Amino acid sequence: MGQAMAKPALRPLLPADLPVLAAIFKASIEQLAEDDYSEAQRAAWAGRADDEDAFGKKLAGQLTLVATINGSAIGFASLKGADHVDMLFVHPSAARQGVAAMLCDALEKLARARGATILSVDASDTAEPLFARRGYVAQRRNSISIDGEWLANTTMHKTLAADAAKNTGSTS
């Protein structure tokens, strides 16, 4: 019999994670977004992690969770404020194995705990199908400029109040 992939675990961001999270960010953009963005667009976007100090400050300033397998980081996601998914990236070797869904589940639970009833995300064209499957609804298309390259994304919202009812146990 084949060996099953070890179950991913979640933990908070640690300062020592920054180099590997920057590498995951870059690899995810370069490989997973290849069908949705040009080489120049991907290079500009991935370049946001070149300044590791700024990248680290951004992640440290948000609620950032790291997905690991056997202690090694394979993905991460961050919640900005109470109600905005700012980043969600999974290493290409761990893509389409439930890691992004696990990170989303955790951020949605944390957002509800912070009092959010609607969670928003500016989803890349690559991530939009994932968020749509999770019940996020497209609100508007956006164009953002990164180092002279224009990239499109979609602002999406998910109502969390209905989800909270599913997670409330009845004691009667």
C-alpha atoms as a PDB file:
ATOM      1  CA  MET A   1       0.000   0.000   0.000  1.00  0.00           C
ATOM      2  CA  GLY A   2       1.077   3.586  -0.666  1.00  0.00           C
ATOM      3  CA  GLN A   3       1.759   5.900   2.188  1.00  0.00           C
ATOM      4  CA  ALA A   4      -0.790   8.667   2.766  1.00  0.00           C
ATOM      5  CA  MET A   5       0.388  12.254   2.886  1.00  0.00           C
ATOM      6  CA  ALA A   6       0.925  13.361   6.472  1.00  0.00           C
ATOM      7  CA  LYS A   7      -1.928  15.479   7.772  1.00  0.00           C
ATOM      8  CA  PRO A   8      -1.167  19.210   7.629  1.00  0.00           C
ATOM      9  CA  ALA A   9      -1.128  21.189  10.864  1.00  0.00           C
ATOM     10  CA  LEU A  10      -1.601  24.911  11.497  1.00  0.00           C
ATOM     11  CA  ARG A  11       0.363  27.226  13.735  1.00  0.00           C
ATOM     12  CA  PRO A  12       0.972  30.955  14.104  1.00  0.00           C
ATOM     13  CA  LEU A  13       3.687  32.761  12.160  1.00  0.00           C
ATOM     14  CA  LEU A  14       7.183  32.626  13.662  1.00  0.00           C
ATOM     15  CA  PRO A  15       9.962  35.084  12.723  1.00  0.00           C
ATOM     16  CA  ALA A  16      12.073  32.189  11.433  1.00  0.00           C
ATOM     17  CA  ASP A  17       9.322  31.387   8.872  1.00  0.00           C
ATOM     18  CA  LEU A  18       9.884  34.489   6.761  1.00  0.00           C
ATOM     19  CA  PRO A  19      12.478  33.149   4.278  1.00  0.00           C
ATOM     20  CA  VAL A  20      10.480  29.996   3.562  1.00  0.00           C
ATOM     21  CA  LEU A  21       7.161  31.889   3.337  1.00  0.00           C
ATOM     22  CA  ALA A  22       8.726  34.312   0.860  1.00  0.00           C
ATOM     23  CA  ALA A  23       9.872  31.289  -1.178  1.00  0.00           C
ATOM     24  CA  ILE A  24       6.371  29.739  -1.021  1.00  0.00           C
ATOM     25  CA  PHE A  25       4.858  33.085  -2.108  1.00  0.00           C
ATOM     26  CA  LYS A  26       7.191  33.280  -5.114  1.00  0.00           C
ATOM     27  CA  ALA A  27       6.886  29.620  -6.142  1.00  0.00           C
ATOM     28  CA  SER A  28       3.110  29.720  -5.869  1.00  0.00           C
ATOM     29  CA  ILE A  29       2.864  32.787  -8.092  1.00  0.00           C
ATOM     30  CA  GLU A  30       5.458  31.612 -10.593  1.00  0.00           C
ATOM     31  CA  GLN A  31       4.042  28.104 -11.015  1.00  0.00           C
ATOM     32  CA  LEU A  32       0.359  28.084 -10.035  1.00  0.00           C
ATOM     33  CA  ALA A  33      -0.606  31.410 -11.651  1.00  0.00           C
ATOM     34  CA  GLU A  34       1.133  30.633 -14.950  1.00  0.00           C
ATOM     35  CA  ASP A  35      -2.134  30.144 -16.865  1.00  0.00           C
ATOM     36  CA  ASP A  36      -3.696  33.356 -15.535  1.00  0.00           C
ATOM     37  CA  TYR A  37      -0.915  35.966 -15.606  1.00  0.00           C
ATOM     38  CA  SER A  38       1.945  36.762 -17.986  1.00  0.00           C
ATOM     39  CA  GLU A  39       5.571  36.151 -17.069  1.00  0.00           C
ATOM     40  CA  ALA A  40       6.082  39.906 -16.511  1.00  0.00           C
ATOM     41  CA  GLN A  41       2.973  40.127 -14.314  1.00  0.00           C
ATOM     42  CA  ARG A  42       4.071  37.128 -12.228  1.00  0.00           C
ATOM     43  CA  ALA A  43       7.602  38.527 -11.852  1.00  0.00           C
ATOM     44  CA  ALA A  44       6.269  41.883 -10.621  1.00  0.00           C
ATOM     45  CA  TRP A  45       3.847  40.206  -8.208  1.00  0.00           C
ATOM     46  CA  ALA A  46       6.407  37.725  -6.859  1.00  0.00           C
ATOM     47  CA  GLY A  47       8.863  40.589  -6.473  1.00  0.00           C
ATOM     48  CA  ARG A  48       6.797  41.863  -3.553  1.00  0.00           C
ATOM     49  CA  ALA A  49       8.634  39.325  -1.400  1.00  0.00           C
ATOM     50  CA  ASP A  50      12.120  40.451  -2.502  1.00  0.00           C
ATOM     51  CA  ASP A  51      12.267  42.882   0.425  1.00  0.00           C
ATOM     52  CA  GLU A  52      12.046  40.233   3.124  1.00  0.00           C
ATOM     53  CA  ASP A  53      11.851  42.811   5.933  1.00  0.00           C
ATOM     54  CA  ALA A  54       8.818  44.544   4.387  1.00  0.00           C
ATOM     55  CA  PHE A  55       7.231  41.193   3.534  1.00  0.00           C
ATOM     56  CA  GLY A  56       7.793  40.035   7.127  1.00  0.00           C
ATOM     57  CA  LYS A  57       6.358  43.231   8.607  1.00  0.00           C
ATOM     58  CA  LYS A  58       3.244  42.825   6.472  1.00  0.00           C
ATOM     59  CA  LEU A  59       2.723  39.237   7.669  1.00  0.00           C
ATOM     60  CA  ALA A  60       3.566  40.064  11.287  1.00  0.00           C
ATOM     61  CA  GLY A  61       1.074  42.940  11.230  1.00  0.00           C
ATOM     62  CA  GLN A  62      -1.758  40.549  10.411  1.00  0.00           C
ATOM     63  CA  LEU A  63      -3.044  37.319  11.878  1.00  0.00           C
ATOM     64  CA  THR A  64      -0.922  34.903   9.844  1.00  0.00           C
ATOM     65  CA  LEU A  65      -1.265  31.134   9.998  1.00  0.00           C
ATOM     66  CA  VAL A  66       1.296  28.697   8.640  1.00  0.00           C
ATOM     67  CA  ALA A  67       0.350  25.255   7.330  1.00  0.00           C
ATOM     68  CA  THR A  68       3.005  22.619   7.974  1.00  0.00           C
ATOM     69  CA  ILE A  69       3.607  18.967   7.226  1.00  0.00           C
ATOM     70  CA  ASN A  70       6.054  17.230   9.564  1.00  0.00           C
ATOM     71  CA  GLY A  71       7.111  20.670  10.828  1.00  0.00           C
ATOM     72  CA  SER A  72       7.920  22.119   7.384  1.00  0.00           C
ATOM     73  CA  ALA A  73       5.922  25.087   6.105  1.00  0.00           C
ATOM     74  CA  ILE A  74       3.882  24.320   2.973  1.00  0.00           C
ATOM     75  CA  GLY A  75       1.525  27.299   2.899  1.00  0.00           C
ATOM     76  CA  PHE A  76       0.244  30.337   4.728  1.00  0.00           C
ATOM     77  CA  ALA A  77      -2.710  32.684   4.954  1.00  0.00           C
ATOM     78  CA  SER A  78      -3.282  36.016   6.647  1.00  0.00           C
ATOM     79  CA  LEU A  79      -6.320  37.825   8.000  1.00  0.00           C
ATOM     80  CA  LYS A  80      -6.153  41.621   7.818  1.00  0.00           C
ATOM     81  CA  GLY A  81      -8.278  43.171  10.533  1.00  0.00           C
ATOM     82  CA  ALA A  82     -11.350  41.133  11.395  1.00  0.00           C
ATOM     83  CA  ASP A  83     -12.765  40.627   7.944  1.00  0.00           C
ATOM     84  CA  HIS A  84     -10.310  40.503   5.021  1.00  0.00           C
ATOM     85  CA  VAL A  85      -8.304  37.537   3.714  1.00  0.00           C
ATOM     86  CA  ASP A  86      -5.163  39.324   2.562  1.00  0.00           C
ATOM     87  CA  MET A  87      -2.900  36.446   1.548  1.00  0.00           C
ATOM     88  CA  LEU A  88      -3.369  32.745   0.816  1.00  0.00           C
ATOM     89  CA  PHE A  89      -0.466  30.857  -0.754  1.00  0.00           C
ATOM     90  CA  VAL A  90       0.392  27.171  -0.930  1.00  0.00           C
ATOM     91  CA  HIS A  91       3.610  25.671  -2.273  1.00  0.00           C
ATOM     92  CA  PRO A  92       2.993  24.079  -5.696  1.00  0.00           C
ATOM     93  CA  SER A  93       4.071  20.657  -4.370  1.00  0.00           C
ATOM     94  CA  ALA A  94       1.191  20.776  -1.850  1.00  0.00           C
ATOM     95  CA  ALA A  95      -1.412  22.400  -4.132  1.00  0.00           C
ATOM     96  CA  ARG A  96      -4.836  20.799  -4.568  1.00  0.00           C
ATOM     97  CA  GLN A  97      -4.421  18.646  -1.460  1.00  0.00           C
ATOM     98  CA  GLY A  98      -6.756  20.535   0.887  1.00  0.00           C
ATOM     99  CA  VAL A  99      -4.151  22.864   2.405  1.00  0.00           C
ATOM    100  CA  ALA A 100      -5.771  26.072   1.082  1.00  0.00           C
ATOM    101  CA  ALA A 101      -9.193  24.858   2.247  1.00  0.00           C
ATOM    102  CA  MET A 102      -7.805  24.147   5.712  1.00  0.00           C
ATOM    103  CA  LEU A 103      -6.264  27.632   5.876  1.00  0.00           C
ATOM    104  CA  CYS A 104      -9.549  29.198   4.699  1.00  0.00           C
ATOM    105  CA  ASP A 105     -11.552  27.233   7.280  1.00  0.00           C
ATOM    106  CA  ALA A 106      -9.284  28.547  10.024  1.00  0.00           C
ATOM    107  CA  LEU A 107      -9.418  32.181   8.825  1.00  0.00           C
ATOM    108  CA  GLU A 108     -13.211  32.043   8.516  1.00  0.00           C
ATOM    109  CA  LYS A 109     -13.481  30.705  12.076  1.00  0.00           C
ATOM    110  CA  LEU A 110     -11.095  33.389  13.363  1.00  0.00           C
ATOM    111  CA  ALA A 111     -12.990  36.116  11.488  1.00  0.00           C
ATOM    112  CA  ARG A 112     -16.260  34.976  13.110  1.00  0.00           C
ATOM    113  CA  ALA A 113     -14.514  34.979  16.502  1.00  0.00           C
ATOM    114  CA  ARG A 114     -13.444  38.571  15.808  1.00  0.00           C
ATOM    115  CA  GLY A 115     -17.093  39.503  15.172  1.00  0.00           C
ATOM    116  CA  ALA A 116     -17.042  39.581  11.362  1.00  0.00           C
ATOM    117  CA  THR A 117     -20.258  38.664   9.571  1.00  0.00           C
ATOM    118  CA  ILE A 118     -18.833  39.158   6.076  1.00  0.00           C
ATOM    119  CA  LEU A 119     -15.364  38.117   4.977  1.00  0.00           C
ATOM    120  CA  SER A 120     -13.797  39.698   1.906  1.00  0.00           C
ATOM    121  CA  VAL A 121     -10.912  38.751  -0.343  1.00  0.00           C
ATOM    122  CA  ASP A 122      -9.327  40.268  -3.441  1.00  0.00           C
ATOM    123  CA  ALA A 123      -8.876  36.931  -5.198  1.00  0.00           C
ATOM    124  CA  SER A 124      -6.394  36.440  -8.001  1.00  0.00           C
ATOM    125  CA  ASP A 125      -7.774  34.868 -11.160  1.00  0.00           C
ATOM    126  CA  THR A 126      -5.982  31.704 -10.019  1.00  0.00           C
ATOM    127  CA  ALA A 127      -7.631  31.657  -6.563  1.00  0.00           C
ATOM    128  CA  GLU A 128     -11.096  32.846  -7.615  1.00  0.00           C
ATOM    129  CA  PRO A 129     -12.464  29.323  -8.308  1.00  0.00           C
ATOM    130  CA  LEU A 130     -11.357  28.146  -4.846  1.00  0.00           C
ATOM    131  CA  PHE A 131     -13.137  31.020  -3.146  1.00  0.00           C
ATOM    132  CA  ALA A 132     -16.245  30.600  -5.339  1.00  0.00           C
ATOM    133  CA  ARG A 133     -16.475  26.918  -4.302  1.00  0.00           C
ATOM    134  CA  ARG A 134     -16.317  28.080  -0.680  1.00  0.00           C
ATOM    135  CA  GLY A 135     -19.336  30.365  -1.094  1.00  0.00           C
ATOM    136  CA  TYR A 136     -17.618  33.677  -1.832  1.00  0.00           C
ATOM    137  CA  VAL A 137     -19.527  35.825  -4.327  1.00  0.00           C
ATOM    138  CA  ALA A 138     -17.837  38.133  -6.829  1.00  0.00           C
ATOM    139  CA  GLN A 139     -18.527  41.824  -6.154  1.00  0.00           C
ATOM    140  CA  ARG A 140     -16.268  43.654  -8.621  1.00  0.00           C
ATOM    141  CA  ARG A 141     -13.210  43.291 -10.853  1.00  0.00           C
ATOM    142  CA  ASN A 142     -10.111  45.281  -9.982  1.00  0.00           C
ATOM    143  CA  SER A 143      -6.912  46.234 -11.786  1.00  0.00           C
ATOM    144  CA  ILE A 144      -3.845  46.889  -9.674  1.00  0.00           C
ATOM    145  CA  SER A 145      -0.454  48.149 -10.765  1.00  0.00           C
ATOM    146  CA  ILE A 146       2.671  46.461  -9.432  1.00  0.00           C
ATOM    147  CA  ASP A 147       5.978  47.830 -10.728  1.00  0.00           C
ATOM    148  CA  GLY A 148       4.369  48.998 -13.967  1.00  0.00           C
ATOM    149  CA  GLU A 149       2.470  45.748 -14.602  1.00  0.00           C
ATOM    150  CA  TRP A 150      -1.330  45.679 -14.418  1.00  0.00           C
ATOM    151  CA  LEU A 151      -2.887  42.629 -12.750  1.00  0.00           C
ATOM    152  CA  ALA A 152      -6.577  41.830 -12.418  1.00  0.00           C
ATOM    153  CA  ASN A 153      -8.293  40.347  -9.384  1.00  0.00           C
ATOM    154  CA  THR A 154     -11.846  40.037  -8.081  1.00  0.00           C
ATOM    155  CA  THR A 155     -13.196  41.344  -4.799  1.00  0.00           C
ATOM    156  CA  MET A 156     -15.366  38.601  -3.328  1.00  0.00           C
ATOM    157  CA  HIS A 157     -17.493  38.436  -0.173  1.00  0.00           C
ATOM    158  CA  LYS A 158     -18.764  35.564   1.936  1.00  0.00           C
ATOM    159  CA  THR A 159     -21.470  35.947   4.541  1.00  0.00           C
ATOM    160  CA  LEU A 160     -20.284  34.251   7.711  1.00  0.00           C
ATOM    161  CA  ALA A 161     -23.435  34.593   9.819  1.00  0.00           C
ATOM    162  CA  ALA A 162     -25.117  31.609   8.136  1.00  0.00           C
ATOM    163  CA  ASP A 163     -21.989  29.510   8.644  1.00  0.00           C
ATOM    164  CA  ALA A 164     -21.916  30.399  12.338  1.00  0.00           C
ATOM    165  CA  ALA A 165     -25.401  28.887  12.767  1.00  0.00           C
ATOM    166  CA  LYS A 166     -24.133  25.571  11.370  1.00  0.00           C
ATOM    167  CA  ASN A 167     -21.375  25.502  13.959  1.00  0.00           C
ATOM    168  CA  THR A 168     -23.589  26.228  16.949  1.00  0.00           C
ATOM    169  CA  GLY A 169     -24.576  23.106  18.820  1.00  0.00           C
ATOM    170  CA  SER A 170     -28.012  22.792  20.344  1.00  0.00           C
ATOM    171  CA  THR A 171     -28.201  21.835  24.005  1.00  0.00           C
ATOM    172  CA  SER A 172     -31.917  21.113  24.148  1.00  0.00           C
END
